[in-house]
Amino acid sequence: MMEEDKWECMRIRRGDFERIRSVLEKADADQPMTAREILELLDEHGEEFDSAHRVATVLGRQAQTGAVEVIRDQPYRYRFLDGHN
């Protein structure tokens, strides 16, 4: 992957994460949620995502930075560590 492609990919992911976080803040979601529940909430707020898998991928990558906690249960649940859900 070329260096500029890598940065473009990171910027897109960061944008996806901000869209997810913004919707969860607006919805005042205070409990951990599954990727499918988050996808449904995004859809209700007019934000399009390809799939629950895409939501899980974005949040899983953010978990590596400490912004999101992945609760490894069946199914996985996601909690934002800044107090929103």
PDB file of N, CA and C in Angstrom:
ATOM      1  N   MET A   1       0.856  -1.182   0.000  1.00  0.00           N
ATOM      2  CA  MET A   1       0.000   0.000   0.000  1.00  0.00           C
ATOM      3  C   MET A   1       0.895   1.237   0.000  1.00  0.00           C
ATOM      4  N   MET A   2       0.580   2.171  -0.859  1.00  0.00           N
ATOM      5  CA  MET A   2       1.353   3.405  -0.915  1.00  0.00           C
ATOM      6  C   MET A   2       1.086   4.231   0.335  1.00  0.00           C
ATOM      7  N   GLU A   3       2.059   5.044   0.716  1.00  0.00           N
ATOM      8  CA  GLU A   3       1.952   5.839   1.942  1.00  0.00           C
ATOM      9  C   GLU A   3       0.709   6.737   1.941  1.00  0.00           C
ATOM     10  N   GLU A   4       0.421   7.408   0.825  1.00  0.00           N
ATOM     11  CA  GLU A   4      -0.751   8.291   0.803  1.00  0.00           C
ATOM     12  C   GLU A   4      -2.049   7.493   0.887  1.00  0.00           C
ATOM     13  N   ASP A   5      -2.080   6.284   0.327  1.00  0.00           N
ATOM     14  CA  ASP A   5      -3.261   5.428   0.447  1.00  0.00           C
ATOM     15  C   ASP A   5      -3.484   5.022   1.901  1.00  0.00           C
ATOM     16  N   LYS A   6      -2.394   4.748   2.612  1.00  0.00           N
ATOM     17  CA  LYS A   6      -2.484   4.372   4.023  1.00  0.00           C
ATOM     18  C   LYS A   6      -3.111   5.507   4.831  1.00  0.00           C
ATOM     19  N   TRP A   7      -2.669   6.737   4.598  1.00  0.00           N
ATOM     20  CA  TRP A   7      -3.211   7.883   5.344  1.00  0.00           C
ATOM     21  C   TRP A   7      -4.661   8.143   4.975  1.00  0.00           C
ATOM     22  N   GLU A   8      -5.002   7.974   3.703  1.00  0.00           N
ATOM     23  CA  GLU A   8      -6.389   8.150   3.264  1.00  0.00           C
ATOM     24  C   GLU A   8      -7.289   7.134   3.961  1.00  0.00           C
ATOM     25  N   CYS A   9      -6.826   5.906   4.047  1.00  0.00           N
ATOM     26  CA  CYS A   9      -7.576   4.840   4.702  1.00  0.00           C
ATOM     27  C   CYS A   9      -7.786   5.169   6.185  1.00  0.00           C
ATOM     28  N   MET A  10      -6.752   5.672   6.846  1.00  0.00           N
ATOM     29  CA  MET A  10      -6.852   6.027   8.257  1.00  0.00           C
ATOM     30  C   MET A  10      -7.837   7.178   8.458  1.00  0.00           C
ATOM     31  N   ARG A  11      -7.812   8.156   7.539  1.00  0.00           N
ATOM     32  CA  ARG A  11      -8.712   9.295   7.650  1.00  0.00           C
ATOM     33  C   ARG A  11     -10.168   8.851   7.491  1.00  0.00           C
ATOM     34  N   ILE A  12     -10.419   7.952   6.563  1.00  0.00           N
ATOM     35  CA  ILE A  12     -11.771   7.443   6.355  1.00  0.00           C
ATOM     36  C   ILE A  12     -12.250   6.703   7.597  1.00  0.00           C
ATOM     37  N   ARG A  13     -11.399   5.860   8.147  1.00  0.00           N
ATOM     38  CA  ARG A  13     -11.778   5.122   9.356  1.00  0.00           C
ATOM     39  C   ARG A  13     -12.083   6.076  10.499  1.00  0.00           C
ATOM     40  N   ARG A  14     -11.252   7.093  10.660  1.00  0.00           N
ATOM     41  CA  ARG A  14     -11.472   8.066  11.725  1.00  0.00           C
ATOM     42  C   ARG A  14     -12.812   8.765  11.507  1.00  0.00           C
ATOM     43  N   GLY A  15     -13.138   9.088  10.263  1.00  0.00           N
ATOM     44  CA  GLY A  15     -14.422   9.704   9.954  1.00  0.00           C
ATOM     45  C   GLY A  15     -15.586   8.789  10.291  1.00  0.00           C
ATOM     46  N   ASP A  16     -15.443   7.499   9.985  1.00  0.00           N
ATOM     47  CA  ASP A  16     -16.477   6.524  10.332  1.00  0.00           C
ATOM     48  C   ASP A  16     -16.664   6.466  11.842  1.00  0.00           C
ATOM     49  N   PHE A  17     -15.566   6.460  12.567  1.00  0.00           N
ATOM     50  CA  PHE A  17     -15.637   6.399  14.024  1.00  0.00           C
ATOM     51  C   PHE A  17     -16.352   7.624  14.578  1.00  0.00           C
ATOM     52  N   GLU A  18     -16.027   8.792  14.055  1.00  0.00           N
ATOM     53  CA  GLU A  18     -16.670  10.024  14.525  1.00  0.00           C
ATOM     54  C   GLU A  18     -18.163  10.014  14.222  1.00  0.00           C
ATOM     55  N   ARG A  19     -18.552   9.478  13.077  1.00  0.00           N
ATOM     56  CA  ARG A  19     -19.978   9.375  12.738  1.00  0.00           C
ATOM     57  C   ARG A  19     -20.697   8.468  13.728  1.00  0.00           C
ATOM     58  N   ILE A  20     -20.078   7.330  14.060  1.00  0.00           N
ATOM     59  CA  ILE A  20     -20.678   6.406  15.024  1.00  0.00           C
ATOM     60  C   ILE A  20     -20.803   7.084  16.380  1.00  0.00           C
ATOM     61  N   ARG A  21     -19.715   7.679  16.832  1.00  0.00           N
ATOM     62  CA  ARG A  21     -19.727   8.317  18.151  1.00  0.00           C
ATOM     63  C   ARG A  21     -20.769   9.437  18.210  1.00  0.00           C
ATOM     64  N   SER A  22     -20.867  10.223  17.172  1.00  0.00           N
ATOM     65  CA  SER A  22     -21.821  11.331  17.139  1.00  0.00           C
ATOM     66  C   SER A  22     -23.263  10.834  17.272  1.00  0.00           C
ATOM     67  N   VAL A  23     -23.606   9.781  16.545  1.00  0.00           N
ATOM     68  CA  VAL A  23     -24.965   9.240  16.617  1.00  0.00           C
ATOM     69  C   VAL A  23     -25.243   8.673  18.003  1.00  0.00           C
ATOM     70  N   LEU A  24     -24.273   7.968  18.582  1.00  0.00           N
ATOM     71  CA  LEU A  24     -24.480   7.406  19.918  1.00  0.00           C
ATOM     72  C   LEU A  24     -24.652   8.517  20.955  1.00  0.00           C
ATOM     73  N   GLU A  25     -23.930   9.616  20.789  1.00  0.00           N
ATOM     74  CA  GLU A  25     -24.096  10.760  21.695  1.00  0.00           C
ATOM     75  C   GLU A  25     -25.490  11.363  21.553  1.00  0.00           C
ATOM     76  N   LYS A  26     -25.935  11.559  20.314  1.00  0.00           N
ATOM     77  CA  LYS A  26     -27.264  12.130  20.071  1.00  0.00           C
ATOM     78  C   LYS A  26     -28.365  11.234  20.627  1.00  0.00           C
ATOM     79  N   ALA A  27     -28.165   9.926  20.516  1.00  0.00           N
ATOM     80  CA  ALA A  27     -29.173   8.965  20.979  1.00  0.00           C
ATOM     81  C   ALA A  27     -29.084   8.735  22.479  1.00  0.00           C
ATOM     82  N   ASP A  28     -28.060   9.309  23.097  1.00  0.00           N
ATOM     83  CA  ASP A  28     -27.839   9.144  24.535  1.00  0.00           C
ATOM     84  C   ASP A  28     -27.764   7.666  24.918  1.00  0.00           C
ATOM     85  N   ALA A  29     -27.062   6.895  24.091  1.00  0.00           N
ATOM     86  CA  ALA A  29     -26.883   5.461  24.337  1.00  0.00           C
ATOM     87  C   ALA A  29     -25.890   5.287  25.481  1.00  0.00           C
ATOM     88  N   ASP A  30     -26.363   4.731  26.586  1.00  0.00           N
ATOM     89  CA  ASP A  30     -25.497   4.628  27.759  1.00  0.00           C
ATOM     90  C   ASP A  30     -25.123   3.194  28.126  1.00  0.00           C
ATOM     91  N   GLN A  31     -25.584   2.224  27.359  1.00  0.00           N
ATOM     92  CA  GLN A  31     -25.254   0.821  27.602  1.00  0.00           C
ATOM     93  C   GLN A  31     -24.405   0.289  26.449  1.00  0.00           C
ATOM     94  N   PRO A  32     -23.566  -0.720  26.723  1.00  0.00           N
ATOM     95  CA  PRO A  32     -22.829  -1.357  25.627  1.00  0.00           C
ATOM     96  C   PRO A  32     -23.816  -1.903  24.591  1.00  0.00           C
ATOM     97  N   MET A  33     -23.428  -1.828  23.333  1.00  0.00           N
ATOM     98  CA  MET A  33     -24.310  -2.255  22.246  1.00  0.00           C
ATOM     99  C   MET A  33     -23.573  -3.182  21.298  1.00  0.00           C
ATOM    100  N   THR A  34     -24.331  -4.042  20.616  1.00  0.00           N
ATOM    101  CA  THR A  34     -23.754  -4.889  19.581  1.00  0.00           C
ATOM    102  C   THR A  34     -23.569  -4.057  18.314  1.00  0.00           C
ATOM    103  N   ALA A  35     -22.765  -4.564  17.400  1.00  0.00           N
ATOM    104  CA  ALA A  35     -22.562  -3.872  16.126  1.00  0.00           C
ATOM    105  C   ALA A  35     -23.882  -3.756  15.367  1.00  0.00           C
ATOM    106  N   ARG A  36     -24.716  -4.786  15.442  1.00  0.00           N
ATOM    107  CA  ARG A  36     -26.011  -4.741  14.753  1.00  0.00           C
ATOM    108  C   ARG A  36     -26.918  -3.666  15.365  1.00  0.00           C
ATOM    109  N   GLU A  37     -26.937  -3.560  16.677  1.00  0.00           N
ATOM    110  CA  GLU A  37     -27.741  -2.515  17.334  1.00  0.00           C
ATOM    111  C   GLU A  37     -27.242  -1.126  16.945  1.00  0.00           C
ATOM    112  N   ILE A  38     -25.930  -0.976  16.882  1.00  0.00           N
ATOM    113  CA  ILE A  38     -25.347   0.310  16.481  1.00  0.00           C
ATOM    114  C   ILE A  38     -25.699   0.613  15.034  1.00  0.00           C
ATOM    115  N   LEU A  39     -25.625  -0.401  14.167  1.00  0.00           N
ATOM    116  CA  LEU A  39     -25.973  -0.223  12.759  1.00  0.00           C
ATOM    117  C   LEU A  39     -27.426   0.234  12.621  1.00  0.00           C
ATOM    118  N   GLU A  40     -28.333  -0.364  13.385  1.00  0.00           N
ATOM    119  CA  GLU A  40     -29.743   0.033  13.341  1.00  0.00           C
ATOM    120  C   GLU A  40     -29.921   1.480  13.806  1.00  0.00           C
ATOM    121  N   LEU A  41     -29.204   1.856  14.845  1.00  0.00           N
ATOM    122  CA  LEU A  41     -29.268   3.227  15.350  1.00  0.00           C
ATOM    123  C   LEU A  41     -28.718   4.215  14.316  1.00  0.00           C
ATOM    124  N   LEU A  42     -27.623   3.845  13.668  1.00  0.00           N
ATOM    125  CA  LEU A  42     -27.064   4.686  12.609  1.00  0.00           C
ATOM    126  C   LEU A  42     -28.085   4.888  11.495  1.00  0.00           C
ATOM    127  N   ASP A  43     -28.740   3.799  11.101  1.00  0.00           N
ATOM    128  CA  ASP A  43     -29.741   3.862  10.041  1.00  0.00           C
ATOM    129  C   ASP A  43     -30.899   4.781  10.438  1.00  0.00           C
ATOM    130  N   GLU A  44     -31.348   4.679  11.686  1.00  0.00           N
ATOM    131  CA  GLU A  44     -32.435   5.536  12.175  1.00  0.00           C
ATOM    132  C   GLU A  44     -32.061   7.015  12.123  1.00  0.00           C
ATOM    133  N   HIS A  45     -30.767   7.304  12.221  1.00  0.00           N
ATOM    134  CA  HIS A  45     -30.291   8.689  12.200  1.00  0.00           C
ATOM    135  C   HIS A  45     -29.763   9.109  10.825  1.00  0.00           C
ATOM    136  N   GLY A  46     -30.042   8.304   9.805  1.00  0.00           N
ATOM    137  CA  GLY A  46     -29.684   8.667   8.442  1.00  0.00           C
ATOM    138  C   GLY A  46     -28.225   8.476   8.076  1.00  0.00           C
ATOM    139  N   GLU A  47     -27.476   7.726   8.883  1.00  0.00           N
ATOM    140  CA  GLU A  47     -26.069   7.441   8.590  1.00  0.00           C
ATOM    141  C   GLU A  47     -25.969   6.053   7.977  1.00  0.00           C
ATOM    142  N   GLU A  48     -25.420   5.976   6.779  1.00  0.00           N
ATOM    143  CA  GLU A  48     -25.318   4.691   6.094  1.00  0.00           C
ATOM    144  C   GLU A  48     -23.970   4.034   6.348  1.00  0.00           C
ATOM    145  N   PHE A  49     -24.032   2.770   6.703  1.00  0.00           N
ATOM    146  CA  PHE A  49     -22.852   1.918   6.821  1.00  0.00           C
ATOM    147  C   PHE A  49     -23.148   0.648   6.055  1.00  0.00           C
ATOM    148  N   ASP A  50     -22.105   0.031   5.498  1.00  0.00           N
ATOM    149  CA  ASP A  50     -22.285  -1.165   4.677  1.00  0.00           C
ATOM    150  C   ASP A  50     -22.909  -2.319   5.441  1.00  0.00           C
ATOM    151  N   SER A  51     -22.451  -2.527   6.677  1.00  0.00           N
ATOM    152  CA  SER A  51     -22.870  -3.718   7.416  1.00  0.00           C
ATOM    153  C   SER A  51     -22.485  -3.597   8.883  1.00  0.00           C
ATOM    154  N   ALA A  52     -23.023  -4.509   9.682  1.00  0.00           N
ATOM    155  CA  ALA A  52     -22.620  -4.591  11.088  1.00  0.00           C
ATOM    156  C   ALA A  52     -21.144  -4.961  11.176  1.00  0.00           C
ATOM    157  N   HIS A  53     -20.670  -5.741  10.216  1.00  0.00           N
ATOM    158  CA  HIS A  53     -19.248  -6.110  10.195  1.00  0.00           C
ATOM    159  C   HIS A  53     -18.373  -4.870  10.060  1.00  0.00           C
ATOM    160  N   ARG A  54     -18.787  -3.925   9.234  1.00  0.00           N
ATOM    161  CA  ARG A  54     -18.029  -2.679   9.056  1.00  0.00           C
ATOM    162  C   ARG A  54     -18.010  -1.884  10.361  1.00  0.00           C
ATOM    163  N   VAL A  55     -19.136  -1.804  11.038  1.00  0.00           N
ATOM    164  CA  VAL A  55     -19.203  -1.114  12.330  1.00  0.00           C
ATOM    165  C   VAL A  55     -18.238  -1.782  13.303  1.00  0.00           C
ATOM    166  N   ALA A  56     -18.280  -3.117  13.362  1.00  0.00           N
ATOM    167  CA  ALA A  56     -17.400  -3.864  14.267  1.00  0.00           C
ATOM    168  C   ALA A  56     -15.935  -3.639  13.931  1.00  0.00           C
ATOM    169  N   THR A  57     -15.616  -3.567  12.652  1.00  0.00           N
ATOM    170  CA  THR A  57     -14.231  -3.337  12.230  1.00  0.00           C
ATOM    171  C   THR A  57     -13.752  -1.960  12.685  1.00  0.00           C
ATOM    172  N   VAL A  58     -14.565  -0.944  12.463  1.00  0.00           N
ATOM    173  CA  VAL A  58     -14.201   0.420  12.870  1.00  0.00           C
ATOM    174  C   VAL A  58     -14.002   0.482  14.381  1.00  0.00           C
ATOM    175  N   LEU A  59     -14.931  -0.091  15.135  1.00  0.00           N
ATOM    176  CA  LEU A  59     -14.836  -0.029  16.595  1.00  0.00           C
ATOM    177  C   LEU A  59     -13.706  -0.899  17.125  1.00  0.00           C
ATOM    178  N   GLY A  60     -13.464  -2.029  16.490  1.00  0.00           N
ATOM    179  CA  GLY A  60     -12.349  -2.886  16.899  1.00  0.00           C
ATOM    180  C   GLY A  60     -11.015  -2.190  16.723  1.00  0.00           C
ATOM    181  N   ARG A  61     -10.867  -1.456  15.645  1.00  0.00           N
ATOM    182  CA  ARG A  61      -9.618  -0.710  15.430  1.00  0.00           C
ATOM    183  C   ARG A  61      -9.468   0.402  16.460  1.00  0.00           C
ATOM    184  N   GLN A  62     -10.562   1.034  16.819  1.00  0.00           N
ATOM    185  CA  GLN A  62     -10.495   2.095  17.826  1.00  0.00           C
ATOM    186  C   GLN A  62     -10.215   1.527  19.213  1.00  0.00           C
ATOM    187  N   ALA A  63     -10.572   0.277  19.426  1.00  0.00           N
ATOM    188  CA  ALA A  63     -10.266  -0.369  20.711  1.00  0.00           C
ATOM    189  C   ALA A  63      -8.756  -0.447  20.922  1.00  0.00           C
ATOM    190  N   GLN A  64      -8.005  -0.537  19.837  1.00  0.00           N
ATOM    191  CA  GLN A  64      -6.542  -0.585  19.932  1.00  0.00           C
ATOM    192  C   GLN A  64      -5.975   0.729  20.452  1.00  0.00           C
ATOM    193  N   THR A  65      -6.718   1.815  20.302  1.00  0.00           N
ATOM    194  CA  THR A  65      -6.255   3.125  20.783  1.00  0.00           C
ATOM    195  C   THR A  65      -6.770   3.420  22.186  1.00  0.00           C
ATOM    196  N   GLY A  66      -7.673   2.574  22.688  1.00  0.00           N
ATOM    197  CA  GLY A  66      -8.227   2.780  24.018  1.00  0.00           C
ATOM    198  C   GLY A  66      -9.507   3.594  24.046  1.00  0.00           C
ATOM    199  N   ALA A  67     -10.039   3.956  22.885  1.00  0.00           N
ATOM    200  CA  ALA A  67     -11.253   4.771  22.834  1.00  0.00           C
ATOM    201  C   ALA A  67     -12.523   3.943  23.019  1.00  0.00           C
ATOM    202  N   VAL A  68     -12.406   2.642  22.761  1.00  0.00           N
ATOM    203  CA  VAL A  68     -13.559   1.742  22.812  1.00  0.00           C
ATOM    204  C   VAL A  68     -13.160   0.485  23.565  1.00  0.00           C
ATOM    205  N   GLU A  69     -14.079  -0.020  24.363  1.00  0.00           N
ATOM    206  CA  GLU A  69     -13.875  -1.318  25.018  1.00  0.00           C
ATOM    207  C   GLU A  69     -14.699  -2.358  24.263  1.00  0.00           C
ATOM    208  N   VAL A  70     -14.060  -3.467  23.919  1.00  0.00           N
ATOM    209  CA  VAL A  70     -14.767  -4.580  23.292  1.00  0.00           C
ATOM    210  C   VAL A  70     -15.087  -5.581  24.392  1.00  0.00           C
ATOM    211  N   ILE A  71     -16.355  -5.838  24.593  1.00  0.00           N
ATOM    212  CA  ILE A  71     -16.790  -6.817  25.586  1.00  0.00           C
ATOM    213  C   ILE A  71     -16.961  -8.132  24.843  1.00  0.00           C
ATOM    214  N   ARG A  72     -16.025  -9.031  25.058  1.00  0.00           N
ATOM    215  CA  ARG A  72     -15.964 -10.271  24.291  1.00  0.00           C
ATOM    216  C   ARG A  72     -16.949 -11.300  24.839  1.00  0.00           C
ATOM    217  N   ASP A  73     -18.185 -11.106  24.467  1.00  0.00           N
ATOM    218  CA  ASP A  73     -19.269 -11.991  24.850  1.00  0.00           C
ATOM    219  C   ASP A  73     -19.908 -12.461  23.552  1.00  0.00           C
ATOM    220  N   GLN A  74     -20.988 -13.193  23.624  1.00  0.00           N
ATOM    221  CA  GLN A  74     -21.708 -13.602  22.427  1.00  0.00           C
ATOM    222  C   GLN A  74     -23.050 -12.901  22.408  1.00  0.00           C
ATOM    223  N   PRO A  75     -23.298 -11.956  21.553  1.00  0.00           N
ATOM    224  CA  PRO A  75     -22.349 -11.356  20.612  1.00  0.00           C
ATOM    225  C   PRO A  75     -21.486 -10.300  21.295  1.00  0.00           C
ATOM    226  N   TYR A  76     -20.404  -9.930  20.597  1.00  0.00           N
ATOM    227  CA  TYR A  76     -19.547  -8.855  21.108  1.00  0.00           C
ATOM    228  C   TYR A  76     -20.384  -7.599  21.321  1.00  0.00           C
ATOM    229  N   ARG A  77     -20.010  -6.839  22.339  1.00  0.00           N
ATOM    230  CA  ARG A  77     -20.631  -5.537  22.588  1.00  0.00           C
ATOM    231  C   ARG A  77     -19.523  -4.493  22.665  1.00  0.00           C
ATOM    232  N   TYR A  78     -19.887  -3.273  22.389  1.00  0.00           N
ATOM    233  CA  TYR A  78     -18.914  -2.186  22.332  1.00  0.00           C
ATOM    234  C   TYR A  78     -19.349  -1.073  23.273  1.00  0.00           C
ATOM    235  N   ARG A  79     -18.365  -0.533  24.004  1.00  0.00           N
ATOM    236  CA  ARG A  79     -18.621   0.570  24.936  1.00  0.00           C
ATOM    237  C   ARG A  79     -17.566   1.648  24.685  1.00  0.00           C
ATOM    238  N   PHE A  80     -18.021   2.887  24.537  1.00  0.00           N
ATOM    239  CA  PHE A  80     -17.091   4.007  24.405  1.00  0.00           C
ATOM    240  C   PHE A  80     -16.561   4.342  25.782  1.00  0.00           C
ATOM    241  N   LEU A  81     -15.273   4.545  25.890  1.00  0.00           N
ATOM    242  CA  LEU A  81     -14.655   4.770  27.188  1.00  0.00           C
ATOM    243  C   LEU A  81     -14.672   6.226  27.621  1.00  0.00           C
ATOM    244  N   ASP A  82     -15.230   7.110  26.801  1.00  0.00           N
ATOM    245  CA  ASP A  82     -15.341   8.521  27.183  1.00  0.00           C
ATOM    246  C   ASP A  82     -16.684   8.821  27.835  1.00  0.00           C
ATOM    247  N   GLY A  83     -17.405   7.775  28.212  1.00  0.00           N
ATOM    248  CA  GLY A  83     -18.665   7.973  28.908  1.00  0.00           C
ATOM    249  C   GLY A  83     -19.906   7.836  28.051  1.00  0.00           C
ATOM    250  N   HIS A  84     -19.753   7.766  26.734  1.00  0.00           N
ATOM    251  CA  HIS A  84     -20.915   7.596  25.864  1.00  0.00           C
ATOM    252  C   HIS A  84     -21.041   6.143  25.489  1.00  0.00           C
ATOM    253  N   ASN A  85     -21.974   5.480  26.097  1.00  0.00           N
ATOM    254  CA  ASN A  85     -22.372   4.086  26.001  1.00  0.00           C
ATOM    255  C   ASN A  85     -21.273   3.265  26.580  1.00  0.00           C
TER     256      ASN A  85
END
